């Protein structure tokens, strides 16, 4: 599979270009890790490298497209805003994305993660939510994931 292109030149010559890619509904002619239709929608062309960080949020363009976030908007990714401990409760506030679901996972060793079925989810305002859970005893790591 591939894409064929030809362009006539003022001198009468015709230039040919062949780009190879796997045929599917998400071609990546420039091989930058971003499907061309999506890249063109966000950037207006195929000139932006996948490993660049257009919006300066610390995540590269290709990763943002893969994650379904906007590589041109710094605030379009899921980010932890704050972690607070009060008494035996842990509160994890984070930025959300429209149409996504989240769950809280916990781990004692950063290797084995389990869903915290006791965690309470609260939407605070547009694009901001938090999980409330028991602080527990000993070491406890938490993360927000999409199921």
N, C-alpha and C. Protein backbone atom coordinates (compact mmCIF):
# COMPACT_ATOMS: atom_id res chain seq x y z
N UNK A 1 0.85 -1.18 0.00
CA UNK A 1 0.00 0.00 0.00
C UNK A 1 0.88 1.23 0.00
N UNK A 2 0.35 2.31 -0.42
CA UNK A 2 1.12 3.54 -0.42
C UNK A 2 0.32 4.68 -0.99
N UNK A 3 0.93 5.82 -1.02
CA UNK A 3 0.30 7.03 -1.55
C UNK A 3 1.16 7.51 -2.70
N UNK A 4 0.52 7.81 -3.80
CA UNK A 4 1.23 8.26 -5.00
C UNK A 4 0.91 9.72 -5.22
N UNK A 5 1.93 10.50 -5.51
CA UNK A 5 1.69 11.91 -5.80
C UNK A 5 2.51 12.33 -7.00
N UNK A 6 1.97 13.21 -7.82
CA UNK A 6 2.69 13.74 -8.97
C UNK A 6 2.44 15.22 -9.05
N UNK A 7 3.46 15.97 -9.44
CA UNK A 7 3.31 17.42 -9.56
C UNK A 7 4.01 17.89 -10.82
N UNK A 8 3.28 18.59 -11.68
CA UNK A 8 3.88 19.15 -12.89
C UNK A 8 4.71 20.37 -12.53
N UNK A 9 5.83 20.55 -13.22
CA UNK A 9 6.73 21.67 -12.98
C UNK A 9 6.65 22.65 -14.15
N UNK A 10 7.03 23.92 -13.94
CA UNK A 10 6.99 24.91 -15.01
C UNK A 10 7.82 24.51 -16.23
N UNK A 11 8.87 23.70 -16.01
CA UNK A 11 9.71 23.31 -17.14
C UNK A 11 9.15 22.11 -17.91
N UNK A 12 7.97 21.66 -17.52
CA UNK A 12 7.32 20.55 -18.21
C UNK A 12 7.63 19.19 -17.62
N UNK A 13 8.58 19.10 -16.72
CA UNK A 13 8.90 17.84 -16.07
C UNK A 13 7.83 17.51 -15.04
N UNK A 14 7.71 16.25 -14.74
CA UNK A 14 6.77 15.81 -13.72
C UNK A 14 7.57 15.12 -12.62
N UNK A 15 7.38 15.56 -11.40
CA UNK A 15 8.04 14.94 -10.26
C UNK A 15 7.09 13.94 -9.63
N UNK A 16 7.62 12.80 -9.24
CA UNK A 16 6.82 11.77 -8.61
C UNK A 16 7.32 11.55 -7.18
N UNK A 17 6.42 11.24 -6.31
CA UNK A 17 6.81 10.90 -4.94
C UNK A 17 5.97 9.72 -4.49
N UNK A 18 6.62 8.77 -3.85
CA UNK A 18 5.93 7.62 -3.29
C UNK A 18 6.16 7.62 -1.78
N UNK A 19 5.11 7.48 -1.03
CA UNK A 19 5.22 7.38 0.41
C UNK A 19 4.64 6.04 0.81
N UNK A 20 5.37 5.25 1.53
CA UNK A 20 4.88 3.95 1.96
C UNK A 20 4.36 4.03 3.38
N UNK A 21 3.23 3.40 3.60
CA UNK A 21 2.64 3.30 4.92
C UNK A 21 1.67 2.14 4.90
N UNK A 22 1.30 1.66 6.05
CA UNK A 22 0.28 0.62 6.12
C UNK A 22 -1.06 1.23 5.80
N UNK A 23 -1.81 0.60 4.93
CA UNK A 23 -3.12 1.13 4.57
C UNK A 23 -4.09 0.89 5.71
N UNK A 24 -4.63 1.93 6.21
CA UNK A 24 -5.72 1.87 7.16
C UNK A 24 -6.41 3.21 7.12
N UNK A 25 -7.33 3.43 8.01
CA UNK A 25 -8.07 4.68 7.99
C UNK A 25 -7.32 5.80 8.72
N UNK A 26 -6.10 5.52 9.17
CA UNK A 26 -5.30 6.53 9.87
C UNK A 26 -3.88 6.55 9.31
N UNK A 27 -3.70 6.94 8.05
CA UNK A 27 -2.36 6.95 7.48
C UNK A 27 -1.44 7.95 8.18
N UNK A 28 -0.15 7.65 8.14
CA UNK A 28 0.87 8.53 8.72
C UNK A 28 2.00 8.68 7.70
N UNK A 29 1.72 9.42 6.65
CA UNK A 29 2.65 9.56 5.53
C UNK A 29 4.01 10.07 5.98
N UNK A 30 4.05 11.03 6.89
CA UNK A 30 5.34 11.60 7.31
C UNK A 30 6.00 10.81 8.44
N UNK A 31 5.38 9.69 8.84
CA UNK A 31 5.96 8.76 9.82
C UNK A 31 6.39 9.44 11.11
N UNK A 32 5.55 10.33 11.64
CA UNK A 32 5.90 11.03 12.87
C UNK A 32 5.11 10.55 14.08
N UNK A 33 4.35 9.46 13.90
CA UNK A 33 3.59 8.92 15.02
C UNK A 33 2.22 9.54 15.21
N UNK A 34 1.84 10.46 14.31
CA UNK A 34 0.52 11.11 14.40
C UNK A 34 -0.26 10.81 13.13
N UNK A 35 -1.48 10.25 13.24
CA UNK A 35 -2.28 10.02 12.03
C UNK A 35 -2.50 11.35 11.29
N UNK A 36 -2.26 11.32 9.98
CA UNK A 36 -2.30 12.55 9.18
C UNK A 36 -3.61 13.34 9.29
N UNK A 37 -4.79 12.69 9.23
CA UNK A 37 -6.02 13.49 9.34
C UNK A 37 -6.11 14.25 10.67
N UNK A 38 -5.68 13.60 11.75
CA UNK A 38 -5.73 14.24 13.07
C UNK A 38 -4.67 15.34 13.15
N UNK A 39 -3.47 15.07 12.65
CA UNK A 39 -2.40 16.07 12.65
C UNK A 39 -2.82 17.31 11.88
N UNK A 40 -3.43 17.11 10.71
CA UNK A 40 -3.89 18.24 9.90
C UNK A 40 -4.99 19.02 10.60
N UNK A 41 -5.85 18.33 11.34
CA UNK A 41 -6.92 19.02 12.07
C UNK A 41 -6.35 19.93 13.14
N UNK A 42 -5.38 19.45 13.91
CA UNK A 42 -4.81 20.26 14.99
C UNK A 42 -3.86 21.34 14.49
N UNK A 43 -3.02 21.01 13.51
CA UNK A 43 -1.94 21.92 13.12
C UNK A 43 -2.13 22.57 11.75
N UNK A 44 -3.12 22.10 10.96
CA UNK A 44 -3.37 22.69 9.65
C UNK A 44 -2.45 22.18 8.57
N UNK A 45 -1.51 21.31 8.92
CA UNK A 45 -0.57 20.73 7.95
C UNK A 45 0.08 19.50 8.60
N UNK A 46 1.05 18.92 7.91
CA UNK A 46 1.75 17.75 8.44
C UNK A 46 3.18 18.09 8.83
N UNK A 47 3.45 19.35 9.12
CA UNK A 47 4.81 19.81 9.39
C UNK A 47 5.25 19.70 10.85
N UNK A 48 4.34 19.47 11.77
CA UNK A 48 4.68 19.44 13.19
C UNK A 48 5.23 18.06 13.56
N UNK A 49 6.42 17.95 14.13
CA UNK A 49 6.98 16.64 14.51
C UNK A 49 6.21 16.01 15.67
N UNK A 50 6.10 14.69 15.64
CA UNK A 50 5.41 13.98 16.71
C UNK A 50 6.13 14.06 18.04
N UNK A 51 7.46 14.18 18.01
CA UNK A 51 8.21 14.21 19.27
C UNK A 51 8.40 15.63 19.81
N UNK A 52 7.80 16.62 19.15
CA UNK A 52 7.84 18.00 19.66
C UNK A 52 6.72 18.20 20.67
N UNK A 53 6.79 19.26 21.42
CA UNK A 53 5.78 19.59 22.42
C UNK A 53 5.22 20.98 22.10
N UNK A 54 4.29 21.04 21.15
CA UNK A 54 3.76 22.30 20.63
C UNK A 54 3.22 23.21 21.74
N UNK A 55 2.46 22.63 22.68
CA UNK A 55 1.83 23.46 23.71
C UNK A 55 2.67 23.63 24.98
N UNK A 56 3.84 23.00 25.04
CA UNK A 56 4.74 23.20 26.17
C UNK A 56 4.27 22.61 27.48
N UNK A 57 3.43 21.55 27.43
CA UNK A 57 2.92 20.97 28.67
C UNK A 57 3.74 19.78 29.17
N UNK A 58 4.85 19.48 28.48
CA UNK A 58 5.70 18.38 28.92
C UNK A 58 5.38 17.05 28.28
N UNK A 59 4.35 16.99 27.44
CA UNK A 59 3.98 15.75 26.74
C UNK A 59 4.08 15.99 25.24
N UNK A 60 4.71 15.06 24.52
CA UNK A 60 4.90 15.31 23.09
C UNK A 60 3.60 15.17 22.31
N UNK A 61 3.59 15.75 21.12
CA UNK A 61 2.39 15.81 20.29
C UNK A 61 1.80 14.44 20.00
N UNK A 62 2.63 13.46 19.63
CA UNK A 62 2.14 12.13 19.30
C UNK A 62 1.48 11.47 20.51
N UNK A 63 2.07 11.63 21.70
CA UNK A 63 1.49 11.05 22.90
C UNK A 63 0.14 11.67 23.22
N UNK A 64 0.04 12.98 23.06
CA UNK A 64 -1.24 13.64 23.32
C UNK A 64 -2.32 13.16 22.37
N UNK A 65 -1.98 12.99 21.10
CA UNK A 65 -2.97 12.50 20.14
C UNK A 65 -3.36 11.07 20.49
N UNK A 66 -2.40 10.24 20.85
CA UNK A 66 -2.70 8.87 21.25
C UNK A 66 -3.61 8.84 22.49
N UNK A 67 -3.38 9.76 23.42
CA UNK A 67 -4.18 9.83 24.64
C UNK A 67 -5.53 10.51 24.45
N UNK A 68 -5.73 11.12 23.28
CA UNK A 68 -7.00 11.81 23.02
C UNK A 68 -7.05 13.21 23.59
N UNK A 69 -5.89 13.81 23.86
CA UNK A 69 -5.86 15.18 24.34
C UNK A 69 -5.42 16.11 23.21
N UNK A 70 -5.54 17.39 23.42
CA UNK A 70 -5.26 18.39 22.39
C UNK A 70 -3.80 18.83 22.47
N UNK A 71 -2.98 18.51 21.47
CA UNK A 71 -1.56 18.88 21.53
C UNK A 71 -1.31 20.37 21.36
N UNK A 72 -2.35 21.15 21.11
CA UNK A 72 -2.19 22.61 20.96
C UNK A 72 -2.69 23.37 22.18
N UNK A 73 -3.21 22.66 23.18
CA UNK A 73 -3.76 23.33 24.37
C UNK A 73 -3.09 22.78 25.63
N UNK A 74 -2.39 23.62 26.33
CA UNK A 74 -1.61 23.21 27.50
C UNK A 74 -2.46 22.58 28.60
N UNK A 75 -3.71 22.99 28.73
CA UNK A 75 -4.55 22.50 29.83
C UNK A 75 -5.47 21.36 29.41
N UNK A 76 -5.15 20.63 28.34
CA UNK A 76 -6.05 19.58 27.87
C UNK A 76 -5.69 18.20 28.39
N UNK A 77 -4.71 18.08 29.24
CA UNK A 77 -4.33 16.76 29.73
C UNK A 77 -4.81 16.56 31.16
N UNK A 78 -4.89 15.29 31.54
CA UNK A 78 -5.24 14.95 32.92
C UNK A 78 -4.01 15.23 33.77
N UNK A 79 -4.17 16.07 34.78
CA UNK A 79 -3.05 16.42 35.66
C UNK A 79 -3.52 16.46 37.10
N UNK A 80 -2.66 16.03 37.97
CA UNK A 80 -2.94 16.17 39.40
C UNK A 80 -2.75 17.63 39.77
N UNK A 81 -3.74 18.19 40.43
CA UNK A 81 -3.69 19.58 40.87
C UNK A 81 -3.19 19.66 42.31
N UNK A 82 -3.72 18.76 43.15
CA UNK A 82 -3.29 18.78 44.55
C UNK A 82 -3.53 17.42 45.20
N UNK A 83 -2.74 17.14 46.22
CA UNK A 83 -2.92 15.97 47.07
C UNK A 83 -2.90 16.48 48.50
N UNK A 84 -3.97 16.20 49.23
CA UNK A 84 -4.08 16.67 50.61
C UNK A 84 -4.40 15.50 51.53
N UNK A 85 -3.83 15.53 52.71
CA UNK A 85 -4.14 14.55 53.74
C UNK A 85 -4.69 15.29 54.94
N UNK A 86 -5.88 14.87 55.37
CA UNK A 86 -6.51 15.46 56.55
C UNK A 86 -7.04 14.30 57.40
N UNK A 87 -6.45 14.13 58.57
CA UNK A 87 -6.85 13.01 59.41
C UNK A 87 -6.54 11.70 58.71
N UNK A 88 -7.57 10.85 58.58
CA UNK A 88 -7.35 9.57 57.91
C UNK A 88 -7.82 9.58 56.45
N UNK A 89 -8.06 10.78 55.90
CA UNK A 89 -8.55 10.91 54.52
C UNK A 89 -7.50 11.50 53.60
N UNK A 90 -7.44 10.96 52.40
CA UNK A 90 -6.57 11.46 51.35
C UNK A 90 -7.46 12.02 50.24
N UNK A 91 -7.14 13.21 49.78
CA UNK A 91 -7.89 13.86 48.70
C UNK A 91 -6.94 14.11 47.54
N UNK A 92 -7.32 13.64 46.37
CA UNK A 92 -6.51 13.81 45.16
C UNK A 92 -7.35 14.57 44.14
N UNK A 93 -7.00 15.84 43.93
CA UNK A 93 -7.74 16.69 42.99
C UNK A 93 -7.00 16.69 41.65
N UNK A 94 -7.76 16.58 40.54
CA UNK A 94 -7.12 16.49 39.23
C UNK A 94 -7.99 17.10 38.14
N UNK A 95 -7.34 17.44 37.04
CA UNK A 95 -8.02 17.98 35.86
C UNK A 95 -8.59 16.80 35.07
N UNK A 96 -9.81 16.94 34.58
CA UNK A 96 -10.47 15.89 33.81
C UNK A 96 -10.67 16.30 32.36
N UNK A 97 -11.03 15.34 31.55
CA UNK A 97 -11.36 15.58 30.15
C UNK A 97 -12.81 15.17 29.91
N UNK A 98 -13.51 15.90 29.07
CA UNK A 98 -14.92 15.64 28.78
C UNK A 98 -15.08 14.24 28.18
N UNK A 99 -16.09 13.53 28.66
CA UNK A 99 -16.41 12.22 28.12
C UNK A 99 -15.53 11.09 28.60
N UNK A 100 -14.69 11.32 29.57
CA UNK A 100 -13.79 10.28 30.08
C UNK A 100 -14.25 9.82 31.46
N UNK A 101 -13.94 8.58 31.78
CA UNK A 101 -14.21 8.01 33.10
C UNK A 101 -12.88 7.74 33.78
N UNK A 102 -12.89 7.82 35.10
CA UNK A 102 -11.65 7.66 35.86
C UNK A 102 -11.87 6.73 37.04
N UNK A 103 -10.79 6.09 37.46
CA UNK A 103 -10.83 5.32 38.70
C UNK A 103 -9.51 5.53 39.42
N UNK A 104 -9.55 5.34 40.72
CA UNK A 104 -8.35 5.49 41.54
C UNK A 104 -7.77 4.11 41.78
N UNK A 105 -6.47 3.99 41.59
CA UNK A 105 -5.76 2.75 41.88
C UNK A 105 -4.74 3.03 42.97
N UNK A 106 -4.47 2.01 43.78
CA UNK A 106 -3.48 2.13 44.85
C UNK A 106 -2.46 1.00 44.74
N UNK A 107 -1.29 1.27 45.31
CA UNK A 107 -0.22 0.27 45.31
C UNK A 107 0.66 0.50 46.53
N UNK A 108 1.25 -0.56 47.02
CA UNK A 108 2.22 -0.45 48.10
C UNK A 108 3.65 -0.51 47.60
N UNK A 109 3.81 -0.87 46.29
CA UNK A 109 5.16 -1.06 45.77
C UNK A 109 5.40 -0.48 44.36
N UNK A 110 4.44 0.22 43.80
CA UNK A 110 4.50 0.80 42.45
C UNK A 110 4.55 -0.25 41.35
N UNK A 111 4.34 -1.52 41.70
CA UNK A 111 4.32 -2.58 40.70
C UNK A 111 2.94 -3.20 40.59
N UNK A 112 2.37 -3.53 41.72
CA UNK A 112 1.05 -4.17 41.77
C UNK A 112 -0.01 -3.13 42.12
N UNK A 113 -0.90 -2.85 41.17
CA UNK A 113 -1.93 -1.83 41.35
C UNK A 113 -3.30 -2.48 41.44
N UNK A 114 -4.14 -1.96 42.35
CA UNK A 114 -5.52 -2.44 42.47
C UNK A 114 -6.46 -1.24 42.49
N UNK A 115 -7.66 -1.47 41.97
CA UNK A 115 -8.67 -0.41 41.98
C UNK A 115 -9.13 -0.19 43.41
N UNK A 116 -9.18 1.05 43.83
CA UNK A 116 -9.68 1.42 45.16
C UNK A 116 -11.19 1.53 45.07
N UNK A 117 -11.89 0.44 45.40
CA UNK A 117 -13.35 0.41 45.27
C UNK A 117 -14.05 1.27 46.31
N UNK A 118 -13.33 1.68 47.34
CA UNK A 118 -13.91 2.53 48.38
C UNK A 118 -13.75 4.02 48.07
N UNK A 119 -12.98 4.36 47.06
CA UNK A 119 -12.73 5.77 46.73
C UNK A 119 -14.02 6.45 46.28
N UNK A 120 -14.21 7.67 46.77
CA UNK A 120 -15.38 8.47 46.40
C UNK A 120 -14.95 9.48 45.34
N UNK A 121 -15.73 9.56 44.26
CA UNK A 121 -15.44 10.48 43.17
C UNK A 121 -16.36 11.68 43.29
N UNK A 122 -15.80 12.88 43.21
CA UNK A 122 -16.60 14.11 43.27
C UNK A 122 -16.18 15.05 42.15
N UNK A 123 -17.16 15.51 41.36
CA UNK A 123 -16.88 16.56 40.38
C UNK A 123 -17.01 17.88 41.10
N UNK A 124 -15.98 18.71 41.05
CA UNK A 124 -15.99 19.97 41.77
C UNK A 124 -16.46 21.12 40.91
N UNK A 125 -15.95 21.20 39.70
CA UNK A 125 -16.34 22.24 38.75
C UNK A 125 -15.99 21.72 37.37
N UNK A 126 -16.31 22.48 36.35
CA UNK A 126 -16.05 22.05 34.99
C UNK A 126 -14.57 21.73 34.79
N UNK A 127 -14.28 20.47 34.51
CA UNK A 127 -12.91 20.07 34.25
C UNK A 127 -12.06 19.76 35.47
N UNK A 128 -12.64 19.83 36.66
CA UNK A 128 -11.91 19.53 37.90
C UNK A 128 -12.71 18.51 38.71
N UNK A 129 -12.02 17.49 39.21
CA UNK A 129 -12.68 16.48 40.04
C UNK A 129 -11.70 16.05 41.12
N UNK A 130 -12.20 15.23 42.05
CA UNK A 130 -11.29 14.68 43.05
C UNK A 130 -11.77 13.32 43.51
N UNK A 131 -10.81 12.54 43.98
CA UNK A 131 -11.09 11.28 44.64
C UNK A 131 -10.78 11.47 46.12
N UNK A 132 -11.65 10.93 46.97
CA UNK A 132 -11.44 10.88 48.41
C UNK A 132 -11.32 9.42 48.79
N UNK A 133 -10.32 9.11 49.59
CA UNK A 133 -10.12 7.73 50.00
C UNK A 133 -9.48 7.69 51.38
N UNK A 134 -9.45 6.53 51.96
CA UNK A 134 -8.80 6.34 53.25
C UNK A 134 -7.29 6.44 53.07
N UNK A 135 -6.67 7.12 54.01
CA UNK A 135 -5.21 7.26 53.96
C UNK A 135 -4.53 5.92 54.17
N UNK A 136 -5.11 5.09 54.99
CA UNK A 136 -4.54 3.78 55.26
C UNK A 136 -3.29 3.87 56.12
N UNK A 137 -2.66 2.73 56.33
CA UNK A 137 -1.43 2.71 57.11
C UNK A 137 -0.30 2.21 56.22
N UNK A 138 0.89 2.58 56.57
CA UNK A 138 2.04 2.18 55.77
C UNK A 138 2.14 2.98 54.48
N UNK A 139 2.93 2.48 53.58
CA UNK A 139 3.17 3.15 52.30
C UNK A 139 1.97 2.94 51.37
N UNK A 140 1.54 4.02 50.72
CA UNK A 140 0.41 3.93 49.79
C UNK A 140 0.65 4.89 48.63
N UNK A 141 0.74 4.34 47.43
CA UNK A 141 0.84 5.15 46.23
C UNK A 141 -0.53 5.16 45.56
N UNK A 142 -0.88 6.28 44.97
CA UNK A 142 -2.17 6.37 44.27
C UNK A 142 -1.95 6.91 42.87
N UNK A 143 -2.86 6.53 41.97
CA UNK A 143 -2.84 7.08 40.62
C UNK A 143 -4.26 7.08 40.06
N UNK A 144 -4.51 8.01 39.17
CA UNK A 144 -5.80 8.11 38.48
C UNK A 144 -5.61 7.50 37.10
N UNK A 145 -6.48 6.57 36.74
CA UNK A 145 -6.40 5.92 35.43
C UNK A 145 -7.79 5.89 34.78
N UNK A 146 -7.80 5.64 33.48
CA UNK A 146 -9.06 5.40 32.78
C UNK A 146 -9.27 3.89 32.72
N UNK A 147 -10.45 3.43 33.11
CA UNK A 147 -10.69 1.97 33.08
C UNK A 147 -10.70 1.41 31.67
